[in-house]
């Protein structure tokens, strides 16, 4: 019989992201965030390439980025509602961590595996923040695909992309649980 970790399993069975718009200050300090980032970096990484990196975005940077997103949305002609949601993702946040997919040349680990590893970092970062008692949410959005934004404002290289923005803070209201997948509808059992 394997050594079980009932507390960890219970956490995973009941974990729930918190909407970014409900997250407020206080946020983790640098020491607490380093622990969360350390946990996030313990993901499957074929070839030990570390095909991802972090950009920690504090409130002043997020406010500046929100203003820049507003300019880019206007230049792109986005409708006002969509623009407002994209601006709010940054302007109303107190802390976010950008997880950057930073692929490395490799004969053993194709780009798709490196992309999956960056996605695993996002989920591990989200779960580590939740396990530490913070509210957290994984977002992408229009700005994450805008090259002028990610290269000009976040300093990404042309070969890099955003895997996600993980917003972390103090939960101001608890969301109701949502319906979960019907495992019978999505699971195939093969005995032979």
N, C-alpha and C. Protein backbone atom coordinates (compact mmCIF):
# COMPACT_ATOMS: atom_id res chain seq x y z
N UNK A 1 0.85 -1.18 0.00
CA UNK A 1 0.00 0.00 0.00
C UNK A 1 0.89 1.25 0.00
N UNK A 2 0.64 2.20 -0.91
CA UNK A 2 1.49 3.40 -0.97
C UNK A 2 1.25 4.32 0.23
N UNK A 3 2.26 5.13 0.51
CA UNK A 3 2.09 6.16 1.54
C UNK A 3 1.18 7.24 0.97
N UNK A 4 0.05 7.44 1.60
CA UNK A 4 -0.92 8.43 1.13
C UNK A 4 -0.69 9.77 1.82
N UNK A 5 -1.14 10.81 1.17
CA UNK A 5 -1.13 12.15 1.76
C UNK A 5 -2.57 12.65 1.69
N UNK A 6 -3.41 12.24 2.66
CA UNK A 6 -4.83 12.57 2.61
C UNK A 6 -5.11 14.08 2.55
N UNK A 7 -4.29 14.87 3.23
CA UNK A 7 -4.53 16.33 3.22
C UNK A 7 -4.31 16.90 1.82
N UNK A 8 -3.26 16.44 1.14
CA UNK A 8 -2.99 16.91 -0.22
C UNK A 8 -4.09 16.46 -1.17
N UNK A 9 -4.54 15.21 -1.04
CA UNK A 9 -5.60 14.71 -1.91
C UNK A 9 -6.90 15.48 -1.66
N UNK A 10 -7.22 15.73 -0.41
CA UNK A 10 -8.43 16.51 -0.09
C UNK A 10 -8.35 17.91 -0.68
N UNK A 11 -7.17 18.53 -0.59
CA UNK A 11 -6.98 19.85 -1.19
C UNK A 11 -7.26 19.80 -2.69
N UNK A 12 -6.69 18.82 -3.38
CA UNK A 12 -6.87 18.72 -4.83
C UNK A 12 -8.32 18.42 -5.21
N UNK A 13 -9.01 17.64 -4.39
CA UNK A 13 -10.41 17.31 -4.67
C UNK A 13 -11.35 18.49 -4.42
N UNK A 14 -10.90 19.47 -3.64
CA UNK A 14 -11.78 20.59 -3.30
C UNK A 14 -11.25 21.94 -3.76
N UNK A 15 -10.08 21.96 -4.42
CA UNK A 15 -9.49 23.24 -4.83
C UNK A 15 -10.44 24.01 -5.74
N UNK A 16 -10.37 25.32 -5.65
CA UNK A 16 -11.24 26.17 -6.46
C UNK A 16 -10.51 27.48 -6.71
N UNK A 17 -10.32 27.83 -7.99
CA UNK A 17 -9.75 29.13 -8.32
C UNK A 17 -10.67 30.23 -7.80
N UNK A 18 -10.09 31.37 -7.54
CA UNK A 18 -10.85 32.53 -7.10
C UNK A 18 -10.83 33.56 -8.23
N UNK A 19 -11.98 34.12 -8.60
CA UNK A 19 -11.96 35.10 -9.69
C UNK A 19 -10.99 36.25 -9.40
N UNK A 20 -10.20 36.62 -10.38
CA UNK A 20 -9.20 37.68 -10.20
C UNK A 20 -9.84 38.98 -9.71
N UNK A 21 -11.04 39.27 -10.17
CA UNK A 21 -11.68 40.52 -9.78
C UNK A 21 -12.04 40.56 -8.29
N UNK A 22 -12.02 39.41 -7.61
CA UNK A 22 -12.33 39.38 -6.17
C UNK A 22 -11.08 39.40 -5.30
N UNK A 23 -9.89 39.45 -5.91
CA UNK A 23 -8.65 39.41 -5.14
C UNK A 23 -8.20 40.82 -4.79
N UNK A 24 -7.80 41.01 -3.55
CA UNK A 24 -7.41 42.32 -3.04
C UNK A 24 -6.10 42.19 -2.26
N UNK A 25 -5.58 43.35 -1.83
CA UNK A 25 -4.45 43.37 -0.90
C UNK A 25 -4.99 42.95 0.47
N UNK A 26 -4.15 42.37 1.31
CA UNK A 26 -2.73 42.15 1.12
C UNK A 26 -2.44 40.99 0.19
N UNK A 27 -1.21 41.00 -0.32
CA UNK A 27 -0.71 39.95 -1.20
C UNK A 27 0.52 39.33 -0.54
N UNK A 28 0.97 38.19 -1.02
CA UNK A 28 2.17 37.59 -0.42
C UNK A 28 3.38 38.52 -0.52
N UNK A 29 4.18 38.55 0.54
CA UNK A 29 5.43 39.29 0.47
C UNK A 29 6.44 38.48 -0.34
N UNK A 30 7.61 39.04 -0.55
CA UNK A 30 8.61 38.39 -1.40
C UNK A 30 8.97 36.99 -0.89
N UNK A 31 9.16 36.83 0.41
CA UNK A 31 9.54 35.52 0.96
C UNK A 31 8.44 34.49 0.73
N UNK A 32 7.20 34.88 0.98
CA UNK A 32 6.08 33.96 0.77
C UNK A 32 5.94 33.63 -0.72
N UNK A 33 6.13 34.63 -1.57
CA UNK A 33 6.01 34.39 -3.00
C UNK A 33 7.14 33.49 -3.50
N UNK A 34 8.34 33.63 -2.95
CA UNK A 34 9.44 32.76 -3.36
C UNK A 34 9.13 31.30 -3.04
N UNK A 35 8.48 31.04 -1.91
CA UNK A 35 8.08 29.67 -1.58
C UNK A 35 7.08 29.15 -2.61
N UNK A 36 6.12 29.98 -2.98
CA UNK A 36 5.10 29.61 -3.96
C UNK A 36 5.76 29.35 -5.33
N UNK A 37 6.69 30.21 -5.72
CA UNK A 37 7.38 30.04 -7.00
C UNK A 37 8.25 28.78 -6.99
N UNK A 38 8.85 28.49 -5.85
CA UNK A 38 9.66 27.28 -5.72
C UNK A 38 8.79 26.04 -5.94
N UNK A 39 7.61 26.04 -5.34
CA UNK A 39 6.69 24.92 -5.53
C UNK A 39 6.26 24.84 -6.99
N UNK A 40 6.01 25.98 -7.61
CA UNK A 40 5.55 26.01 -9.01
C UNK A 40 6.59 25.44 -9.96
N UNK A 41 7.86 25.62 -9.63
CA UNK A 41 8.94 25.18 -10.52
C UNK A 41 9.22 23.68 -10.42
N UNK A 42 8.52 22.98 -9.52
CA UNK A 42 8.72 21.52 -9.37
C UNK A 42 7.70 20.79 -10.24
N UNK A 43 7.86 20.93 -11.53
CA UNK A 43 6.93 20.31 -12.48
C UNK A 43 7.70 19.37 -13.40
N UNK A 44 6.98 18.49 -14.11
CA UNK A 44 7.65 17.68 -15.12
C UNK A 44 8.34 18.59 -16.14
N UNK A 45 9.58 18.28 -16.43
CA UNK A 45 10.39 19.11 -17.32
C UNK A 45 11.36 18.19 -18.04
N UNK A 46 10.88 17.52 -19.09
CA UNK A 46 11.68 16.57 -19.84
C UNK A 46 12.96 17.25 -20.33
N UNK A 47 14.08 16.72 -19.95
CA UNK A 47 15.36 17.28 -20.38
C UNK A 47 15.90 18.34 -19.44
N UNK A 48 15.18 18.64 -18.37
CA UNK A 48 15.61 19.67 -17.41
C UNK A 48 15.95 20.97 -18.13
N UNK A 49 15.09 21.37 -19.03
CA UNK A 49 15.34 22.56 -19.85
C UNK A 49 14.88 23.86 -19.19
N UNK A 50 13.95 23.75 -18.25
CA UNK A 50 13.33 24.94 -17.66
C UNK A 50 12.85 25.87 -18.78
N UNK A 51 11.89 25.40 -19.58
CA UNK A 51 11.43 26.20 -20.72
C UNK A 51 10.38 27.24 -20.33
N UNK A 52 10.57 27.84 -19.18
CA UNK A 52 9.65 28.84 -18.65
C UNK A 52 10.41 29.72 -17.68
N UNK A 53 9.85 30.88 -17.44
CA UNK A 53 10.41 31.81 -16.47
C UNK A 53 9.27 32.64 -15.90
N UNK A 54 9.57 33.39 -14.84
CA UNK A 54 8.56 34.18 -14.15
C UNK A 54 8.86 35.67 -14.28
N UNK A 55 7.80 36.47 -14.37
CA UNK A 55 7.89 37.92 -14.23
C UNK A 55 6.88 38.29 -13.14
N UNK A 56 7.39 38.78 -12.01
CA UNK A 56 6.51 39.17 -10.90
C UNK A 56 6.08 40.62 -11.13
N UNK A 57 4.78 40.83 -11.16
CA UNK A 57 4.20 42.14 -11.45
C UNK A 57 3.53 42.69 -10.19
N UNK A 58 4.16 43.70 -9.58
CA UNK A 58 3.60 44.35 -8.40
C UNK A 58 2.62 45.45 -8.82
N UNK A 59 1.91 46.01 -7.87
CA UNK A 59 0.84 46.99 -8.14
C UNK A 59 1.30 48.14 -9.05
N UNK A 60 2.43 48.80 -8.79
CA UNK A 60 2.80 49.91 -9.69
C UNK A 60 2.99 49.45 -11.14
N UNK A 61 3.62 48.30 -11.33
CA UNK A 61 3.82 47.78 -12.69
C UNK A 61 2.48 47.43 -13.32
N UNK A 62 1.58 46.84 -12.54
CA UNK A 62 0.27 46.46 -13.08
C UNK A 62 -0.53 47.69 -13.48
N UNK A 63 -0.44 48.76 -12.71
CA UNK A 63 -1.14 50.01 -13.07
C UNK A 63 -0.61 50.56 -14.38
N UNK A 64 0.72 50.56 -14.53
CA UNK A 64 1.34 51.04 -15.77
C UNK A 64 0.92 50.15 -16.94
N UNK A 65 0.92 48.83 -16.73
CA UNK A 65 0.54 47.91 -17.80
C UNK A 65 -0.93 48.08 -18.18
N UNK A 66 -1.78 48.34 -17.19
CA UNK A 66 -3.20 48.58 -17.49
C UNK A 66 -3.38 49.77 -18.41
N UNK A 67 -2.64 50.84 -18.16
CA UNK A 67 -2.72 52.03 -19.01
C UNK A 67 -2.23 51.70 -20.42
N UNK A 68 -1.19 50.91 -20.52
CA UNK A 68 -0.67 50.54 -21.84
C UNK A 68 -1.65 49.65 -22.60
N UNK A 69 -2.29 48.72 -21.88
CA UNK A 69 -3.30 47.87 -22.50
C UNK A 69 -4.45 48.73 -23.03
N UNK A 70 -4.83 49.75 -22.27
CA UNK A 70 -5.91 50.65 -22.73
C UNK A 70 -5.53 51.29 -24.06
N UNK A 71 -4.29 51.76 -24.16
CA UNK A 71 -3.83 52.37 -25.42
C UNK A 71 -3.85 51.36 -26.56
N UNK A 72 -3.36 50.16 -26.30
CA UNK A 72 -3.31 49.13 -27.34
C UNK A 72 -4.70 48.68 -27.76
N UNK A 73 -5.62 48.58 -26.81
CA UNK A 73 -7.00 48.21 -27.14
C UNK A 73 -7.65 49.27 -28.04
N UNK A 74 -7.41 50.52 -27.68
CA UNK A 74 -7.97 51.61 -28.49
C UNK A 74 -7.38 51.58 -29.90
N UNK A 75 -6.07 51.40 -30.01
CA UNK A 75 -5.42 51.35 -31.32
C UNK A 75 -5.92 50.17 -32.15
N UNK A 76 -6.27 49.06 -31.47
CA UNK A 76 -6.77 47.88 -32.18
C UNK A 76 -8.25 47.96 -32.49
N UNK A 77 -8.94 48.99 -31.96
CA UNK A 77 -10.36 49.15 -32.22
C UNK A 77 -11.24 48.15 -31.49
N UNK A 78 -10.78 47.65 -30.36
CA UNK A 78 -11.61 46.70 -29.59
C UNK A 78 -12.84 47.40 -29.05
N UNK A 79 -13.93 46.66 -28.93
CA UNK A 79 -15.15 47.26 -28.39
C UNK A 79 -14.91 47.64 -26.93
N UNK A 80 -15.65 48.63 -26.42
CA UNK A 80 -15.40 49.15 -25.07
C UNK A 80 -15.49 48.10 -23.96
N UNK A 81 -16.44 47.17 -24.04
CA UNK A 81 -16.56 46.15 -22.99
C UNK A 81 -15.34 45.24 -22.96
N UNK A 82 -14.91 44.79 -24.12
CA UNK A 82 -13.74 43.92 -24.19
C UNK A 82 -12.50 44.67 -23.73
N UNK A 83 -12.37 45.92 -24.13
CA UNK A 83 -11.24 46.74 -23.69
C UNK A 83 -11.23 46.89 -22.18
N UNK A 84 -12.39 47.18 -21.60
CA UNK A 84 -12.47 47.38 -20.15
C UNK A 84 -12.05 46.12 -19.39
N UNK A 85 -12.46 44.95 -19.85
CA UNK A 85 -12.06 43.69 -19.19
C UNK A 85 -10.56 43.48 -19.28
N UNK A 86 -9.98 43.77 -20.44
CA UNK A 86 -8.54 43.60 -20.61
C UNK A 86 -7.73 44.59 -19.76
N UNK A 87 -8.20 45.81 -19.68
CA UNK A 87 -7.52 46.81 -18.84
C UNK A 87 -7.63 46.43 -17.37
N UNK A 88 -8.83 46.03 -16.93
CA UNK A 88 -9.07 45.70 -15.52
C UNK A 88 -8.18 44.56 -15.05
N UNK A 89 -7.87 43.61 -15.93
CA UNK A 89 -7.03 42.47 -15.56
C UNK A 89 -5.71 42.96 -14.97
N UNK A 90 -5.23 44.09 -15.41
CA UNK A 90 -3.97 44.64 -14.91
C UNK A 90 -4.21 45.79 -13.94
N UNK A 91 -5.01 46.76 -14.34
CA UNK A 91 -5.18 47.98 -13.55
C UNK A 91 -5.80 47.74 -12.18
N UNK A 92 -6.63 46.72 -12.04
CA UNK A 92 -7.30 46.46 -10.77
C UNK A 92 -6.59 45.40 -9.92
N UNK A 93 -5.49 44.86 -10.41
CA UNK A 93 -4.79 43.79 -9.70
C UNK A 93 -3.74 44.36 -8.76
N UNK A 94 -3.45 43.61 -7.71
CA UNK A 94 -2.40 43.99 -6.76
C UNK A 94 -1.12 43.18 -6.93
N UNK A 95 -1.24 41.96 -7.46
CA UNK A 95 -0.07 41.12 -7.71
C UNK A 95 -0.44 40.08 -8.77
N UNK A 96 0.45 39.91 -9.72
CA UNK A 96 0.29 38.85 -10.72
C UNK A 96 1.68 38.34 -11.08
N UNK A 97 1.75 37.08 -11.44
CA UNK A 97 2.99 36.49 -11.92
C UNK A 97 2.75 36.05 -13.35
N UNK A 98 3.52 36.61 -14.27
CA UNK A 98 3.46 36.16 -15.66
C UNK A 98 4.35 34.93 -15.78
N UNK A 99 3.77 33.85 -16.27
CA UNK A 99 4.55 32.65 -16.57
C UNK A 99 4.84 32.70 -18.07
N UNK A 100 6.11 32.77 -18.38
CA UNK A 100 6.55 32.92 -19.76
C UNK A 100 7.04 31.58 -20.29
N UNK A 101 6.45 31.14 -21.40
CA UNK A 101 6.97 29.98 -22.11
C UNK A 101 8.23 30.45 -22.84
N UNK A 102 9.36 29.89 -22.46
CA UNK A 102 10.65 30.28 -23.02
C UNK A 102 11.32 29.02 -23.57
N UNK A 103 10.88 28.57 -24.77
CA UNK A 103 11.36 27.29 -25.30
C UNK A 103 12.86 27.27 -25.53
N UNK A 104 13.42 26.08 -25.35
CA UNK A 104 14.85 25.87 -25.54
C UNK A 104 15.06 24.87 -26.67
N UNK A 105 16.12 25.04 -27.47
CA UNK A 105 16.42 24.05 -28.51
C UNK A 105 16.67 22.69 -27.86
N UNK A 106 16.05 21.65 -28.41
CA UNK A 106 16.23 20.32 -27.83
C UNK A 106 15.84 19.26 -28.84
N UNK A 107 16.65 18.21 -28.91
CA UNK A 107 16.31 17.05 -29.73
C UNK A 107 15.40 16.09 -28.96
N UNK A 108 15.42 16.17 -27.63
CA UNK A 108 14.65 15.25 -26.79
C UNK A 108 13.27 15.78 -26.42
N UNK A 109 13.15 17.07 -26.23
CA UNK A 109 11.88 17.65 -25.76
C UNK A 109 11.33 18.60 -26.81
N UNK A 110 10.36 18.13 -27.62
CA UNK A 110 9.79 19.01 -28.65
C UNK A 110 9.03 20.18 -28.02
N UNK A 111 8.71 21.16 -28.83
CA UNK A 111 8.04 22.36 -28.36
C UNK A 111 6.76 22.02 -27.60
N UNK A 112 6.00 21.05 -28.06
CA UNK A 112 4.74 20.73 -27.39
C UNK A 112 4.98 20.29 -25.95
N UNK A 113 6.03 19.51 -25.70
CA UNK A 113 6.33 19.08 -24.33
C UNK A 113 6.76 20.27 -23.47
N UNK A 114 7.50 21.19 -24.07
CA UNK A 114 7.92 22.38 -23.33
C UNK A 114 6.71 23.27 -23.02
N UNK A 115 5.77 23.32 -23.95
CA UNK A 115 4.54 24.08 -23.73
C UNK A 115 3.73 23.46 -22.60
N UNK A 116 3.61 22.14 -22.60
CA UNK A 116 2.89 21.45 -21.52
C UNK A 116 3.56 21.74 -20.17
N UNK A 117 4.89 21.76 -20.15
CA UNK A 117 5.61 22.04 -18.91
C UNK A 117 5.28 23.44 -18.40
N UNK A 118 5.20 24.41 -19.30
CA UNK A 118 4.84 25.78 -18.89
C UNK A 118 3.40 25.82 -18.35
N UNK A 119 2.50 25.04 -18.97
CA UNK A 119 1.14 24.96 -18.45
C UNK A 119 1.11 24.32 -17.07
N UNK A 120 1.97 23.31 -16.88
CA UNK A 120 2.05 22.68 -15.56
C UNK A 120 2.55 23.67 -14.52
N UNK A 121 3.48 24.54 -14.90
CA UNK A 121 3.96 25.58 -13.99
C UNK A 121 2.80 26.50 -13.59
N UNK A 122 1.98 26.88 -14.55
CA UNK A 122 0.83 27.74 -14.24
C UNK A 122 -0.08 27.08 -13.21
N UNK A 123 -0.43 25.82 -13.45
CA UNK A 123 -1.32 25.13 -12.51
C UNK A 123 -0.66 24.93 -11.16
N UNK A 124 0.62 24.59 -11.15
CA UNK A 124 1.32 24.42 -9.87
C UNK A 124 1.42 25.73 -9.11
N UNK A 125 1.65 26.82 -9.82
CA UNK A 125 1.70 28.14 -9.18
C UNK A 125 0.34 28.49 -8.59
N UNK A 126 -0.70 28.26 -9.36
CA UNK A 126 -2.06 28.50 -8.88
C UNK A 126 -2.35 27.67 -7.63
N UNK A 127 -2.06 26.37 -7.69
CA UNK A 127 -2.34 25.49 -6.56
C UNK A 127 -1.47 25.81 -5.35
N UNK A 128 -0.21 26.18 -5.57
CA UNK A 128 0.67 26.53 -4.45
C UNK A 128 0.15 27.78 -3.74
N UNK A 129 -0.32 28.76 -4.51
CA UNK A 129 -0.88 29.97 -3.89
C UNK A 129 -2.13 29.63 -3.09
N UNK A 130 -3.01 28.79 -3.67
CA UNK A 130 -4.22 28.38 -2.95
C UNK A 130 -3.87 27.59 -1.69
N UNK A 131 -2.91 26.68 -1.80
CA UNK A 131 -2.52 25.87 -0.64
C UNK A 131 -1.90 26.72 0.46
N UNK A 132 -1.28 27.83 0.08
CA UNK A 132 -0.69 28.75 1.05
C UNK A 132 -1.74 29.67 1.68
N UNK A 133 -2.99 29.53 1.24
CA UNK A 133 -4.06 30.31 1.85
C UNK A 133 -4.47 31.56 1.09
N UNK A 134 -3.86 31.81 -0.05
CA UNK A 134 -4.20 32.98 -0.86
C UNK A 134 -5.30 32.62 -1.85
N UNK A 135 -5.96 33.62 -2.38
CA UNK A 135 -6.82 33.43 -3.53
C UNK A 135 -5.95 33.53 -4.77
N UNK A 136 -6.31 32.81 -5.83
CA UNK A 136 -5.50 32.85 -7.04
C UNK A 136 -6.34 32.51 -8.25
N UNK A 137 -5.93 33.04 -9.41
CA UNK A 137 -6.63 32.81 -10.65
C UNK A 137 -5.64 32.84 -11.81
N UNK A 138 -5.86 31.97 -12.79
CA UNK A 138 -5.00 31.86 -13.98
C UNK A 138 -5.75 32.49 -15.15
N UNK A 139 -5.19 33.57 -15.70
CA UNK A 139 -5.80 34.26 -16.83
C UNK A 139 -4.81 34.35 -17.99
N UNK A 140 -5.37 34.52 -19.17
CA UNK A 140 -4.56 34.87 -20.34
C UNK A 140 -5.16 36.16 -20.89
N UNK A 141 -5.91 36.10 -21.96
CA UNK A 141 -6.56 37.30 -22.48
C UNK A 141 -5.87 37.89 -23.68
N UNK A 142 -6.51 38.90 -24.24
CA UNK A 142 -6.07 39.55 -25.46
C UNK A 142 -4.64 40.07 -25.36
N UNK A 143 -4.30 40.70 -24.26
CA UNK A 143 -2.97 41.29 -24.12
C UNK A 143 -1.88 40.24 -24.15
N UNK A 144 -2.18 39.03 -23.68
CA UNK A 144 -1.16 37.98 -23.65
C UNK A 144 -0.76 37.55 -25.06
N UNK A 145 -1.59 37.83 -26.04
CA UNK A 145 -1.30 37.48 -27.44
C UNK A 145 -0.79 38.67 -28.25
N UNK A 146 -0.81 39.86 -27.67
CA UNK A 146 -0.42 41.07 -28.38
C UNK A 146 1.10 41.23 -28.31
N UNK A 147 1.77 41.09 -29.44
CA UNK A 147 3.24 41.11 -29.44
C UNK A 147 3.79 42.46 -29.00
N UNK A 148 3.12 43.55 -29.34
CA UNK A 148 3.61 44.86 -28.89
C UNK A 148 3.61 44.94 -27.37
N UNK A 149 2.60 44.33 -26.75
CA UNK A 149 2.51 44.33 -25.30
C UNK A 149 3.54 43.40 -24.68
N UNK A 150 3.57 42.15 -25.11
CA UNK A 150 4.44 41.18 -24.43
C UNK A 150 5.92 41.45 -24.69
N UNK A 151 6.26 41.93 -25.88
CA UNK A 151 7.66 42.24 -26.15
C UNK A 151 8.03 43.63 -25.65
N UNK A 152 7.17 44.61 -25.94
CA UNK A 152 7.48 45.99 -25.58
C UNK A 152 7.36 46.29 -24.10
N UNK A 153 6.37 45.70 -23.44
CA UNK A 153 6.12 46.03 -22.04
C UNK A 153 6.68 45.00 -21.07
N UNK A 154 6.70 43.72 -21.46
CA UNK A 154 7.17 42.67 -20.56
C UNK A 154 8.57 42.16 -20.93
N UNK A 155 9.08 42.58 -22.08
CA UNK A 155 10.44 42.20 -22.46
C UNK A 155 10.59 40.79 -22.98
N UNK A 156 9.50 40.18 -23.47
CA UNK A 156 9.61 38.83 -24.02
C UNK A 156 10.41 38.85 -25.32
N UNK A 157 11.12 37.77 -25.56
CA UNK A 157 11.82 37.59 -26.82
C UNK A 157 10.81 37.16 -27.88
N UNK A 158 11.12 37.32 -29.17
CA UNK A 158 10.20 36.89 -30.22
C UNK A 158 9.81 35.41 -30.14
N UNK A 159 10.67 34.58 -29.58
CA UNK A 159 10.38 33.14 -29.46
C UNK A 159 9.58 32.80 -28.21
N UNK A 160 9.34 33.77 -27.33
CA UNK A 160 8.63 33.53 -26.07
C UNK A 160 7.17 33.92 -26.17
N UNK A 161 6.37 33.37 -25.26
CA UNK A 161 4.95 33.73 -25.19
C UNK A 161 4.48 33.60 -23.75
N UNK A 162 3.30 34.13 -23.49
CA UNK A 162 2.71 34.07 -22.15
C UNK A 162 1.91 32.78 -22.02
N UNK A 163 2.26 31.97 -21.03
CA UNK A 163 1.46 30.78 -20.71
C UNK A 163 0.30 31.16 -19.81
N UNK A 164 0.48 32.19 -19.01
CA UNK A 164 -0.60 32.65 -18.15
C UNK A 164 -0.15 33.74 -17.21
N UNK A 165 -1.14 34.52 -16.78
CA UNK A 165 -0.94 35.48 -15.70
C UNK A 165 -1.64 34.90 -14.49
N UNK A 166 -0.89 34.62 -13.43
CA UNK A 166 -1.47 34.07 -12.22
C UNK A 166 -1.64 35.22 -11.23
N UNK A 167 -2.89 35.57 -10.97
CA UNK A 167 -3.22 36.65 -10.04
C UNK A 167 -3.32 36.05 -8.65
N UNK A 168 -2.71 36.73 -7.68
CA UNK A 168 -2.67 36.22 -6.31
C UNK A 168 -3.02 37.36 -5.36
N UNK A 169 -3.86 37.07 -4.39
CA UNK A 169 -4.21 38.07 -3.39
C UNK A 169 -5.10 37.50 -2.32
N UNK A 170 -5.69 38.39 -1.57
CA UNK A 170 -6.62 38.01 -0.52
C UNK A 170 -8.02 37.97 -1.11
N UNK A 171 -8.66 36.87 -0.89
CA UNK A 171 -10.01 36.66 -1.42
C UNK A 171 -11.00 37.59 -0.70
N UNK A 172 -11.76 38.39 -1.48
CA UNK A 172 -12.74 39.29 -0.87
C UNK A 172 -14.13 38.67 -0.79
N UNK A 173 -14.38 37.66 -1.60
CA UNK A 173 -15.66 36.93 -1.53
C UNK A 173 -15.44 35.53 -2.11
N UNK A 174 -16.08 34.56 -1.47
CA UNK A 174 -15.92 33.17 -1.91
C UNK A 174 -16.90 32.85 -3.03
N UNK A 175 -16.41 32.34 -4.15
CA UNK A 175 -17.32 31.99 -5.24
C UNK A 175 -18.01 30.67 -4.93
N UNK A 176 -19.20 30.49 -5.47
CA UNK A 176 -19.85 29.18 -5.31
C UNK A 176 -19.08 28.16 -6.15
N UNK A 177 -19.17 26.91 -5.72
CA UNK A 177 -18.53 25.87 -6.53
C UNK A 177 -19.29 25.76 -7.84
N UNK A 178 -18.63 25.26 -8.85
CA UNK A 178 -19.27 25.12 -10.15
C UNK A 178 -19.43 23.64 -10.46
N UNK A 179 -20.27 23.31 -11.41
CA UNK A 179 -20.41 21.90 -11.79
C UNK A 179 -19.07 21.35 -12.26
N UNK A 180 -18.80 20.13 -11.90
CA UNK A 180 -17.55 19.47 -12.29
C UNK A 180 -17.83 18.43 -13.36
N UNK A 181 -16.80 18.00 -14.09
CA UNK A 181 -17.01 17.05 -15.18
C UNK A 181 -17.66 15.74 -14.72
N UNK A 182 -18.47 15.19 -15.60
CA UNK A 182 -19.06 13.87 -15.39
C UNK A 182 -18.00 12.85 -15.82
N UNK A 183 -17.34 12.23 -14.85
CA UNK A 183 -16.25 11.31 -15.17
C UNK A 183 -16.71 10.14 -16.04
N UNK A 184 -17.95 9.71 -15.87
CA UNK A 184 -18.47 8.63 -16.69
C UNK A 184 -18.52 9.00 -18.16
N UNK A 185 -18.72 10.28 -18.45
CA UNK A 185 -18.83 10.73 -19.84
C UNK A 185 -17.47 10.97 -20.49
N UNK A 186 -16.43 11.14 -19.67
CA UNK A 186 -15.12 11.50 -20.25
C UNK A 186 -14.04 10.47 -19.99
N UNK A 187 -14.41 9.32 -19.40
CA UNK A 187 -13.41 8.31 -19.05
C UNK A 187 -13.67 7.01 -19.80
N UNK A 188 -12.65 6.50 -20.44
CA UNK A 188 -12.70 5.19 -21.08
C UNK A 188 -11.76 4.27 -20.31
N UNK A 189 -12.26 3.11 -19.92
CA UNK A 189 -11.45 2.11 -19.22
C UNK A 189 -11.07 1.01 -20.20
N UNK A 190 -9.80 0.73 -20.34
CA UNK A 190 -9.34 -0.33 -21.24
C UNK A 190 -8.60 -1.38 -20.43
N UNK A 191 -9.19 -2.58 -20.33
CA UNK A 191 -8.56 -3.65 -19.57
C UNK A 191 -7.61 -4.47 -20.43
N UNK A 192 -7.85 -4.48 -21.71
CA UNK A 192 -7.01 -5.28 -22.62
C UNK A 192 -6.66 -4.47 -23.85
